[in-house]
Amino acid sequence: MEKGQDAADKRSRVHDGEYTVVGIVEDGTPLNQVVKEVRDLGVGKDDLTVVVKRPDTDESEPFPEGTRYIVVPDDRRGLEVPIGFAISFVLLGIFFALVVPSIGIPTFMVFISLAAVLVAGSFTRVGVQPILTDMGAPREDSGAWNDEFELGKVLVFAVTRERRLIRPIREIIQGTEGSYFIVDRRLEPRAVAQASIHRAGQGERQSIARPKEA
């Protein structure tokens, strides 16, 4: 991914006076450093959002108090329904193949194909893509952001109306070997699908918003 890519879609959007610096950084110490230093620049708690992936969506994050972060579950929740249908298709196919072989075998092959499609779709990781789609992230970049997220990176969205802050935010991200994009409008992630949104600090383990379905 090329560092410093300007992801602004100037042809189709009217600039609203706000800029979003999107950082793609390593989890752990680099992430904590970026969040702390960006907050120290004066970026408010409502203008900075971190998107992380965790097996435990209630895991505490060591961010400055009030920092907003979204947790995407790193598990296979929600697979019960499609896998259940896949099993049903296989059983129905076997039933028709045994009871009426002349039409049952072709039917069995169709059911097996449907079951395979369901299982394959169930185990396709969507990552952070539903969140990016919901907030209208630039389509030409959102796929790359999702890919980096699936590789273990973390997304940081810092919004500012002050152009003078863009460079120091960018330099903070680069200082941790992270990549950045600049979008000339506000991007504010929300918790959709199975994600949950939290605030760091006292009471952070309680979600502040119910997850919304994509």
Protein backbone atom coordinates (compact mmCIF):
# COMPACT_ATOMS: atom_id res chain seq x y z
CA MET A 1 0.00 0.00 0.00
CA GLU A 2 1.40 3.36 -0.97
CA LYS A 3 1.94 5.73 1.92
CA GLY A 4 0.52 9.21 1.71
CA GLN A 5 -2.17 8.43 -0.82
CA ASP A 6 -4.83 11.14 -1.02
CA ALA A 7 -8.15 9.30 -1.04
CA ALA A 8 -10.30 12.40 -1.53
CA ASP A 9 -12.99 12.06 -4.18
CA LYS A 10 -13.04 15.70 -5.26
CA ARG A 11 -14.99 15.11 -8.42
CA SER A 12 -18.14 13.83 -6.74
CA ARG A 13 -18.22 15.40 -3.28
CA VAL A 14 -18.41 18.96 -1.99
CA HIS A 15 -15.80 19.65 0.65
CA ASP A 16 -17.50 20.15 4.03
CA GLY A 17 -14.60 21.91 5.75
CA GLU A 18 -13.43 18.79 7.55
CA TYR A 19 -10.62 16.40 6.76
CA THR A 20 -10.13 12.81 7.85
CA VAL A 21 -6.68 11.31 8.17
CA VAL A 22 -7.06 7.54 7.98
CA GLY A 23 -4.17 5.70 9.59
CA ILE A 24 -3.37 2.03 9.12
CA VAL A 25 -1.05 1.06 11.95
CA GLU A 26 0.30 -1.96 13.78
CA ASP A 27 -1.64 -3.13 16.82
CA GLY A 28 -0.16 -2.85 20.29
CA THR A 29 2.46 -0.24 21.21
CA PRO A 30 2.41 1.61 17.84
CA LEU A 31 -1.36 1.96 18.04
CA ASN A 32 -1.30 3.26 21.61
CA GLN A 33 1.42 5.75 20.66
CA VAL A 34 -0.57 7.06 17.69
CA VAL A 35 -3.77 7.47 19.71
CA LYS A 36 -2.02 9.27 22.57
CA GLU A 37 -0.04 11.63 20.35
CA VAL A 38 -3.01 12.47 18.12
CA ARG A 39 -5.13 13.24 21.18
CA ASP A 40 -2.25 15.38 22.53
CA LEU A 41 -2.43 17.45 19.34
CA GLY A 42 -5.89 18.55 20.38
CA VAL A 43 -8.03 16.14 18.34
CA GLY A 44 -11.15 15.71 20.46
CA LYS A 45 -12.61 12.47 21.73
CA ASP A 46 -15.49 12.74 19.26
CA ASP A 47 -13.13 13.30 16.33
CA LEU A 48 -10.97 10.22 16.80
CA THR A 49 -12.19 6.67 16.27
CA VAL A 50 -10.14 3.49 16.41
CA VAL A 51 -11.34 0.24 14.83
CA VAL A 52 -9.79 -2.94 16.25
CA LYS A 53 -10.46 -6.67 16.08
CA ARG A 54 -10.62 -8.68 19.30
CA PRO A 55 -11.79 -12.20 20.28
CA ASP A 56 -13.33 -10.58 23.37
CA THR A 57 -15.38 -7.53 22.41
CA ASP A 58 -15.30 -6.33 26.04
CA GLU A 59 -11.50 -6.29 26.19
CA SER A 60 -10.22 -3.05 27.72
CA GLU A 61 -8.11 -0.75 25.56
CA PRO A 62 -5.37 1.44 27.11
CA PHE A 63 -6.38 4.59 25.25
CA PRO A 64 -6.70 8.08 26.76
CA GLU A 65 -9.97 8.48 28.64
CA GLY A 66 -12.94 9.19 26.42
CA THR A 67 -11.34 7.82 23.24
CA ARG A 68 -13.96 6.18 21.05
CA TYR A 69 -13.17 2.73 19.67
CA ILE A 70 -15.08 0.10 17.74
CA VAL A 71 -14.44 -3.60 18.29
CA VAL A 72 -15.03 -6.08 15.47
CA PRO A 73 -15.36 -9.64 16.88
CA ASP A 74 -12.62 -12.00 15.77
CA ASP A 75 -14.70 -15.17 15.82
CA ARG A 76 -17.19 -17.18 13.78
CA ARG A 77 -20.38 -15.96 15.42
CA GLY A 78 -23.44 -15.89 13.23
CA LEU A 79 -22.53 -19.04 11.29
CA GLU A 80 -25.20 -21.25 12.84
CA VAL A 81 -27.98 -20.42 10.37
CA PRO A 82 -26.12 -20.85 7.06
CA ILE A 83 -24.36 -24.00 8.28
CA GLY A 84 -27.70 -25.37 9.49
CA PHE A 85 -29.19 -24.82 6.03
CA ALA A 86 -26.17 -26.46 4.43
CA ILE A 87 -26.63 -29.58 6.58
CA SER A 88 -30.35 -29.62 5.71
CA PHE A 89 -29.59 -29.49 1.98
CA VAL A 90 -27.18 -32.42 2.30
CA LEU A 91 -29.70 -34.53 4.23
CA LEU A 92 -32.49 -33.74 1.75
CA GLY A 93 -30.21 -34.65 -1.13
CA ILE A 94 -29.36 -37.98 0.45
CA PHE A 95 -33.06 -38.65 1.10
CA PHE A 96 -34.08 -38.04 -2.53
CA ALA A 97 -31.09 -40.05 -3.81
CA LEU A 98 -32.17 -43.07 -1.75
CA VAL A 99 -35.94 -42.84 -2.27
CA VAL A 100 -36.08 -41.89 -5.96
CA PRO A 101 -32.67 -42.65 -7.49
CA SER A 102 -33.69 -41.59 -11.01
CA ILE A 103 -34.28 -37.99 -9.97
CA GLY A 104 -32.65 -38.15 -6.57
CA ILE A 105 -29.03 -38.28 -7.73
CA PRO A 106 -29.25 -35.07 -9.85
CA THR A 107 -31.18 -33.45 -7.01
CA PHE A 108 -28.51 -34.60 -4.56
CA MET A 109 -25.83 -32.93 -6.69
CA VAL A 110 -27.82 -29.67 -6.73
CA PHE A 111 -28.27 -29.74 -2.95
CA ILE A 112 -24.56 -30.50 -2.44
CA SER A 113 -23.68 -27.50 -4.62
CA LEU A 114 -26.01 -25.23 -2.63
CA ALA A 115 -24.55 -26.50 0.63
CA ALA A 116 -21.01 -25.84 -0.61
CA VAL A 117 -21.93 -22.28 -1.57
CA LEU A 118 -23.46 -21.63 1.86
CA VAL A 119 -20.46 -23.02 3.72
CA ALA A 120 -17.97 -21.10 1.59
CA GLY A 121 -19.91 -17.87 2.07
CA SER A 122 -20.13 -18.45 5.80
CA PHE A 123 -16.37 -18.63 6.19
CA THR A 124 -15.60 -15.62 4.02
CA ARG A 125 -14.36 -12.93 6.38
CA VAL A 126 -15.99 -9.54 5.80
CA GLY A 127 -13.74 -7.80 8.31
CA VAL A 128 -14.29 -4.08 8.61
CA GLN A 129 -15.95 -3.74 5.20
CA PRO A 130 -19.52 -3.30 6.54
CA ILE A 131 -18.33 -0.35 8.66
CA LEU A 132 -16.49 1.21 5.72
CA THR A 133 -19.53 0.80 3.47
CA ASP A 134 -21.88 2.26 6.09
CA MET A 135 -19.84 5.46 6.47
CA GLY A 136 -19.32 5.91 2.74
CA ALA A 137 -15.57 5.35 2.61
CA PRO A 138 -13.97 5.87 -0.83
CA ARG A 139 -14.60 2.68 -2.77
CA GLU A 140 -11.22 2.78 -4.45
CA ASP A 141 -9.50 2.54 -1.07
CA SER A 142 -11.89 0.69 1.25
CA GLY A 143 -10.95 -2.72 -0.15
CA ALA A 144 -7.28 -2.12 0.66
CA TRP A 145 -8.18 -0.88 4.16
CA ASN A 146 -10.21 -4.02 4.76
CA ASP A 147 -7.37 -6.24 3.52
CA GLU A 148 -4.88 -4.58 5.88
CA PHE A 149 -7.36 -4.90 8.74
CA GLU A 150 -7.68 -8.63 8.05
CA LEU A 151 -3.89 -8.91 8.17
CA GLY A 152 -3.92 -7.62 11.74
CA LYS A 153 -3.59 -3.87 11.26
CA VAL A 154 -5.78 -1.31 13.06
CA LEU A 155 -7.66 1.59 11.48
CA VAL A 156 -7.51 5.07 13.02
CA PHE A 157 -9.82 7.86 11.85
CA ALA A 158 -8.79 11.37 12.93
CA VAL A 159 -11.06 14.25 11.88
CA THR A 160 -10.04 17.90 11.92
CA ARG A 161 -11.15 21.24 10.50
CA GLU A 162 -7.65 22.63 10.88
CA ARG A 163 -5.45 21.96 7.88
CA ARG A 164 -2.39 22.69 10.01
CA LEU A 165 -3.06 19.50 11.99
CA ILE A 166 -3.03 17.22 8.95
CA ARG A 167 0.74 17.19 8.64
CA PRO A 168 1.52 16.42 12.31
CA ILE A 169 -1.14 13.67 12.37
CA ARG A 170 0.39 12.21 9.23
CA GLU A 171 3.88 12.38 10.73
CA ILE A 172 2.72 10.62 13.89
CA ILE A 173 1.36 7.75 11.81
CA GLN A 174 4.49 7.60 9.66
CA GLY A 175 6.59 7.57 12.82
CA THR A 176 5.22 4.10 13.64
CA GLU A 177 5.79 2.84 10.07
CA GLY A 178 2.08 3.15 9.40
CA SER A 179 0.31 4.15 6.19
CA TYR A 180 -2.08 7.06 5.86
CA PHE A 181 -4.77 8.37 3.55
CA ILE A 182 -6.32 11.83 3.52
CA VAL A 183 -10.02 12.24 2.77
CA ASP A 184 -11.42 15.76 2.34
CA ARG A 185 -14.58 15.14 4.34
CA ARG A 186 -15.61 13.65 7.66
CA LEU A 187 -15.53 9.88 7.99
CA GLU A 188 -17.12 8.70 11.21
CA PRO A 189 -17.29 4.93 11.69
CA ARG A 190 -20.32 3.41 13.41
CA ALA A 191 -20.80 -0.01 14.94
CA VAL A 192 -22.65 -2.14 12.37
CA ALA A 193 -23.14 -5.88 11.96
CA GLN A 194 -21.62 -7.60 15.04
CA ALA A 195 -19.31 -4.72 16.01
CA SER A 196 -19.71 -2.73 19.23
CA ILE A 197 -18.63 0.79 20.13
CA HIS A 198 -17.00 1.81 23.41
CA ARG A 199 -15.37 4.71 25.24
CA ALA A 200 -12.02 4.25 26.95
CA GLY A 201 -11.83 5.01 30.64
CA GLN A 202 -14.29 4.49 33.44
CA GLY A 203 -17.07 2.13 32.41
CA GLU A 204 -15.35 1.37 29.09
CA ARG A 205 -16.33 -2.29 29.19
CA GLN A 206 -19.96 -1.36 28.62
CA SER A 207 -20.90 -0.70 25.01
CA ILE A 208 -22.29 2.80 24.48
CA ALA A 209 -24.33 1.86 21.44
CA ARG A 210 -26.23 -1.19 20.33
CA PRO A 211 -24.73 -2.86 17.24
CA LYS A 212 -26.69 -2.04 14.09
CA GLU A 213 -27.24 -4.50 11.30
CA ALA A 214 -25.59 -3.63 8.04
